[in-house]
Amino acid sequence: MRKIALLIALLFAPPLAAETVRLGDRLYEIELPARAKGAPLIVMLHGGGGNPDRTERVTGLTRAALRKGYAVAYPAGTGRRLLSWNAGYCCAGAARSGVDDVGFIADVIADAQGRFDLGDSVYVAGMSNGSMMAETFAARNPGMVRAVAGVAGTMDTRTVRVKAPVPALIIHGTADTMVPYAGGQGDTSLTRTDFASVDSVVQAFLAPWGAGLTESARKIDRRDDATSVTVTDYAKGGQVVLRLMTVEGGGHNWPGGREPRADMDMTQEIDANAEILKFFALHP
């Protein structure tokens, strides 16, 4: 029934009119809410081998975000055939060539804010290689973003330090065979990268907050789908500054997304878009 409802939604949903903006030899696509002036901006980064159009389609983030009043920008990585981001230890041509993707994302933010008269609130999110890039950007530029969300990708904690406190949401499956939850090389990964563990990313983003953090945990297990989600919140002064959503049995996918081949290990317990928007709303 879920697949049928999803297919109907895809077939009859009106198309979104993204605007393509070129910055030199690169580009980003952007979707604007009905009231764009002063709107907060989400920068969404595609995975390795992905692109802005496919990411918008697979995640479904745009419609959810526009309803909440966000503008959503989808920058494009670099590559001849498969687009990727230079997140340090991954991935593909972008990493091998040392592309300045941190600088490019900063340019996208500045251009989108100026061109479309958006507000000062900026959030960064990503999937897989895009998650690595989003976390890396936030770690190096904490003053530019209100919060970051990473799904199924871990930044290189061996070389990247989080310079100052920045709220973070991390969603990752324990059965991810491309970017293993515990770190190391993925059995089905297209790269031989020795990925950082999810725990090391959690500790990296917690470190700048210092002492006085409280930890709480809860479990979500309402569906008969062979998965469950453990939600671990770290708070300071009553404010959640880091939320880890461990998808027990979850694979390398965007929970609630539109990736048919991922149905076997995609949890039905949570929807990544809803969780990301909920977390971003905590940090206006």
Protein backbone atom coordinates (compact mmCIF):
# COMPACT_ATOMS: atom_id res chain seq x y z
CA MET A 1 0.00 0.00 0.00
CA ARG A 2 2.86 2.37 0.82
CA LYS A 3 4.41 1.84 -2.63
CA ILE A 4 1.05 2.42 -4.36
CA ALA A 5 0.40 5.62 -2.41
CA LEU A 6 3.90 6.83 -3.19
CA LEU A 7 3.46 6.10 -6.91
CA ILE A 8 0.17 7.99 -6.98
CA ALA A 9 1.80 10.96 -5.24
CA LEU A 10 4.62 11.00 -7.78
CA LEU A 11 2.30 10.70 -10.77
CA PHE A 12 -0.16 13.41 -9.80
CA ALA A 13 1.99 15.87 -7.86
CA PRO A 14 2.44 19.11 -9.85
CA PRO A 15 6.00 19.65 -11.08
CA LEU A 16 8.19 22.06 -9.15
CA ALA A 17 9.82 24.87 -11.11
CA ALA A 18 13.45 24.94 -10.03
CA GLU A 19 15.61 27.84 -11.12
CA THR A 20 19.12 27.03 -12.29
CA VAL A 21 21.83 29.50 -11.31
CA ARG A 22 25.32 29.36 -12.81
CA LEU A 23 28.35 30.43 -10.80
CA GLY A 24 31.27 30.42 -13.21
CA ASP A 25 31.61 26.87 -14.50
CA ARG A 26 29.39 25.45 -11.75
CA LEU A 27 25.72 25.63 -10.87
CA TYR A 28 23.04 25.14 -8.29
CA GLU A 29 19.29 24.73 -8.53
CA ILE A 30 16.96 26.46 -6.12
CA GLU A 31 13.33 26.17 -5.14
CA LEU A 32 11.67 29.15 -3.42
CA PRO A 33 8.70 29.28 -1.06
CA ALA A 34 5.71 31.52 -1.76
CA ARG A 35 7.30 34.21 0.41
CA ALA A 36 10.98 34.12 -0.44
CA LYS A 37 12.05 37.41 1.11
CA GLY A 38 13.80 36.70 4.39
CA ALA A 39 13.21 32.94 4.06
CA PRO A 40 15.65 30.51 5.68
CA LEU A 41 17.80 28.49 3.29
CA ILE A 42 18.56 24.78 3.23
CA VAL A 43 21.56 23.74 1.13
CA MET A 44 21.05 20.09 0.18
CA LEU A 45 24.05 18.14 -1.16
CA HIS A 46 23.60 15.08 -3.38
CA GLY A 47 25.46 11.82 -2.90
CA GLY A 48 28.38 10.61 -4.99
CA GLY A 49 27.19 9.92 -8.52
CA GLY A 50 24.01 11.90 -7.91
CA ASN A 51 22.87 15.30 -9.11
CA PRO A 52 20.48 18.07 -7.99
CA ASP A 53 17.46 16.83 -9.98
CA ARG A 54 17.73 13.24 -8.85
CA THR A 55 18.31 14.23 -5.23
CA GLU A 56 15.25 16.47 -5.22
CA ARG A 57 13.21 13.63 -6.71
CA VAL A 58 14.53 10.83 -4.48
CA THR A 59 14.47 12.66 -1.16
CA GLY A 60 11.28 14.64 -1.66
CA LEU A 61 12.79 17.33 0.56
CA THR A 62 11.63 20.29 -1.51
CA ARG A 63 7.89 19.92 -1.02
CA ALA A 64 8.26 19.30 2.71
CA ALA A 65 10.60 22.28 3.11
CA LEU A 66 8.57 24.71 1.00
CA ARG A 67 5.53 24.01 3.18
CA LYS A 68 7.58 25.17 6.15
CA GLY A 69 8.74 28.33 4.38
CA TYR A 70 12.29 27.26 3.52
CA ALA A 71 14.11 27.88 0.27
CA VAL A 72 16.10 24.83 -0.85
CA ALA A 73 19.29 25.02 -2.92
CA TYR A 74 20.74 21.95 -4.61
CA PRO A 75 24.36 22.60 -5.67
CA ALA A 76 26.02 20.30 -8.19
CA GLY A 77 29.32 18.58 -7.48
CA THR A 78 32.02 18.11 -10.10
CA GLY A 79 33.00 15.28 -12.43
CA ARG A 80 32.83 14.26 -16.08
CA ARG A 81 30.28 11.48 -15.65
CA LEU A 82 29.62 11.04 -11.95
CA LEU A 83 29.37 14.14 -9.78
CA SER A 84 31.03 14.07 -6.36
CA TRP A 85 32.23 16.30 -3.52
CA ASN A 86 35.70 16.77 -2.11
CA ALA A 87 35.07 15.84 1.50
CA GLY A 88 38.77 15.17 2.10
CA TYR A 89 39.02 11.40 2.06
CA CYS A 90 36.15 10.96 -0.38
CA CYS A 91 35.01 10.95 -3.12
CA ALA A 92 36.12 10.27 -6.71
CA GLY A 93 37.50 12.98 -8.96
CA ALA A 94 36.54 15.87 -6.68
CA ALA A 95 38.71 14.50 -3.86
CA ARG A 96 41.54 13.45 -6.18
CA SER A 97 41.63 16.90 -7.77
CA GLY A 98 41.34 18.78 -4.48
CA VAL A 99 38.27 20.77 -5.59
CA ASP A 100 37.47 23.63 -3.21
CA ASP A 101 33.91 22.57 -2.48
CA VAL A 102 33.90 24.32 0.90
CA GLY A 103 34.49 27.58 -0.96
CA PHE A 104 31.88 26.72 -3.59
CA ILE A 105 29.18 26.02 -1.01
CA ALA A 106 29.98 29.33 0.69
CA ASP A 107 29.59 31.03 -2.70
CA VAL A 108 26.22 29.30 -3.25
CA ILE A 109 24.98 30.55 0.12
CA ALA A 110 26.11 34.14 -0.51
CA ASP A 111 24.71 34.16 -4.04
CA ALA A 112 21.34 32.69 -3.07
CA GLN A 113 20.92 35.11 -0.17
CA GLY A 114 21.76 38.13 -2.31
CA ARG A 115 20.03 37.09 -5.52
CA PHE A 116 16.74 36.02 -3.90
CA ASP A 117 16.76 38.28 -0.82
CA LEU A 118 16.76 35.33 1.57
CA GLY A 119 17.26 35.54 5.32
CA ASP A 120 20.33 34.93 7.46
CA SER A 121 19.31 31.46 8.64
CA VAL A 122 21.20 28.80 6.69
CA TYR A 123 21.12 25.03 7.15
CA VAL A 124 23.18 22.38 5.38
CA ALA A 125 22.16 18.77 4.75
CA GLY A 126 23.41 15.90 2.63
CA MET A 127 23.22 12.23 1.75
CA SER A 128 26.24 9.88 1.63
CA ASN A 129 29.16 11.81 0.04
CA GLY A 130 26.91 14.86 0.39
CA SER A 131 26.55 14.14 4.10
CA MET A 132 30.34 14.02 4.43
CA MET A 133 30.54 17.36 2.64
CA ALA A 134 27.74 18.97 4.67
CA GLU A 135 29.37 17.93 7.94
CA THR A 136 32.78 19.07 6.74
CA PHE A 137 31.42 22.45 5.68
CA ALA A 138 29.62 22.98 8.99
CA ALA A 139 32.68 21.89 10.97
CA ARG A 140 34.90 24.40 9.18
CA ASN A 141 32.30 27.20 8.98
CA PRO A 142 30.14 26.89 12.10
CA GLY A 143 29.34 30.60 12.05
CA MET A 144 27.67 30.30 8.65
CA VAL A 145 25.09 27.64 9.51
CA ARG A 146 22.42 27.31 12.18
CA ALA A 147 22.49 23.49 12.03
CA VAL A 148 23.65 20.57 9.88
CA ALA A 149 22.03 17.23 9.05
CA GLY A 150 23.92 14.23 7.67
CA VAL A 151 22.33 11.03 6.37
CA ALA A 152 24.39 7.88 5.65
CA GLY A 153 27.76 9.59 5.43
CA THR A 154 30.57 10.40 7.88
CA MET A 155 33.09 13.23 7.59
CA ASP A 156 36.81 12.54 8.00
CA THR A 157 37.17 13.06 11.73
CA ARG A 158 40.86 12.23 11.57
CA THR A 159 41.60 15.48 9.76
CA VAL A 160 38.53 17.70 10.26
CA ARG A 161 37.97 19.49 13.55
CA VAL A 162 34.69 21.19 14.45
CA LYS A 163 35.86 24.74 15.10
CA ALA A 164 32.93 25.94 17.23
CA PRO A 165 29.55 24.71 18.46
CA VAL A 166 27.08 23.87 15.70
CA PRO A 167 23.92 21.78 16.20
CA ALA A 168 23.98 18.49 14.29
CA LEU A 169 21.52 15.76 13.35
CA ILE A 170 23.00 12.43 12.29
CA ILE A 171 20.90 9.64 10.72
CA HIS A 172 22.68 6.40 9.89
CA GLY A 173 21.77 2.74 9.49
CA THR A 174 23.62 -0.10 11.23
CA ALA A 175 23.31 -2.27 8.09
CA ASP A 176 24.87 0.33 5.80
CA THR A 177 27.37 -1.60 3.65
CA MET A 178 28.62 1.45 1.75
CA VAL A 179 29.54 3.69 4.69
CA PRO A 180 29.67 1.32 7.68
CA TYR A 181 28.19 2.57 10.93
CA ALA A 182 31.29 1.43 12.83
CA GLY A 183 33.64 2.86 10.22
CA GLY A 184 36.13 1.20 7.87
CA GLN A 185 35.76 0.14 4.26
CA GLY A 186 32.27 -0.66 3.05
CA ASP A 187 31.63 -4.07 1.48
CA THR A 188 29.64 -2.50 -1.37
CA SER A 189 31.37 0.88 -1.46
CA LEU A 190 32.66 2.14 -4.79
CA THR A 191 35.69 3.60 -3.03
CA ARG A 192 38.35 2.08 -0.78
CA THR A 193 38.00 4.87 1.73
CA ASP A 194 38.53 3.95 5.37
CA PHE A 195 35.44 5.77 6.59
CA ALA A 196 35.18 7.35 10.03
CA SER A 197 32.70 5.81 12.45
CA VAL A 198 29.41 7.46 13.31
CA ASP A 199 30.52 7.64 16.94
CA SER A 200 33.62 9.64 15.99
CA VAL A 201 31.43 12.16 14.15
CA VAL A 202 29.15 12.44 17.18
CA GLN A 203 32.12 13.06 19.46
CA ALA A 204 33.60 15.62 17.05
CA PHE A 205 30.43 17.70 17.01
CA LEU A 206 29.92 17.37 20.77
CA ALA A 207 33.45 18.46 21.67
CA PRO A 208 33.01 22.23 21.16
CA TRP A 209 29.98 22.30 23.44
CA GLY A 210 32.16 21.47 26.45
CA ALA A 211 30.87 20.26 29.80
CA GLY A 212 27.31 20.24 31.06
CA LEU A 213 25.72 18.09 28.37
CA THR A 214 22.87 15.77 29.27
CA GLU A 215 22.07 12.59 27.36
CA SER A 216 18.73 10.87 26.87
CA ALA A 217 17.54 8.07 24.62
CA ARG A 218 14.28 6.67 23.28
CA LYS A 219 13.31 4.00 20.81
CA ILE A 220 10.93 4.15 17.86
CA ASP A 221 9.57 0.76 16.80
CA ARG A 222 6.00 1.08 15.57
CA ARG A 223 6.19 -0.72 12.21
CA ASP A 224 6.70 -4.37 11.34
CA ASP A 225 9.61 -3.66 8.99
CA ALA A 226 12.58 -5.39 10.69
CA THR A 227 14.02 -2.03 11.72
CA SER A 228 13.86 0.24 14.73
CA VAL A 229 15.34 3.66 15.48
CA THR A 230 17.22 4.62 18.61
CA VAL A 231 17.14 8.39 19.14
CA THR A 232 19.89 9.74 21.36
CA ASP A 233 19.67 13.41 22.28
CA TYR A 234 22.49 15.48 23.73
CA ALA A 235 21.28 18.72 25.27
CA LYS A 236 22.78 21.77 26.89
CA GLY A 237 20.69 24.18 28.90
CA GLY A 238 17.58 22.28 27.86
CA GLN A 239 18.35 22.71 24.15
CA VAL A 240 19.08 19.64 22.00
CA VAL A 241 22.42 20.36 20.30
CA LEU A 242 23.02 16.94 18.77
CA ARG A 243 20.56 14.22 17.82
CA LEU A 244 21.76 10.79 16.71
CA MET A 245 19.17 8.60 15.01
CA THR A 246 20.57 5.08 14.76
CA VAL A 247 18.49 3.02 12.35
CA GLU A 248 18.87 -0.57 13.53
CA GLY A 249 18.85 -2.72 10.39
CA GLY A 250 18.77 0.33 8.13
CA GLY A 251 20.86 0.50 4.97
CA HIS A 252 22.42 3.17 2.77
CA ASN A 253 19.35 5.23 1.94
CA TRP A 254 17.26 8.27 2.77
CA PRO A 255 14.53 7.12 5.20
CA GLY A 256 11.15 7.83 3.68
CA GLY A 257 12.71 8.50 0.29
CA ARG A 258 11.73 7.32 -3.17
CA GLU A 259 14.46 4.81 -3.94
CA PRO A 260 12.72 1.53 -4.93
CA ARG A 261 15.87 -0.60 -4.71
CA ALA A 262 16.34 0.43 -1.09
CA ASP A 263 12.93 -0.77 0.12
CA MET A 264 14.37 -3.94 1.69
CA ASP A 265 16.51 -2.02 4.18
CA MET A 266 14.72 1.34 4.29
CA THR A 267 13.05 1.94 7.60
CA GLN A 268 9.41 2.95 7.77
CA GLU A 269 9.85 4.15 11.33
CA ILE A 270 10.96 7.67 10.43
CA ASP A 271 10.94 10.10 7.53
CA ALA A 272 14.27 11.88 7.08
CA ASN A 273 12.65 15.05 5.74
CA ALA A 274 10.35 15.36 8.73
CA GLU A 275 13.16 14.68 11.18
CA ILE A 276 15.51 17.18 9.53
CA LEU A 277 12.90 19.94 9.42
CA LYS A 278 11.93 19.22 13.00
CA PHE A 279 15.57 19.51 14.11
CA PHE A 280 16.22 22.66 12.07
CA ALA A 281 13.14 24.26 13.65
CA LEU A 282 14.83 23.89 17.04
CA HIS A 283 17.56 26.24 15.83
CA PRO A 284 15.94 29.22 14.08
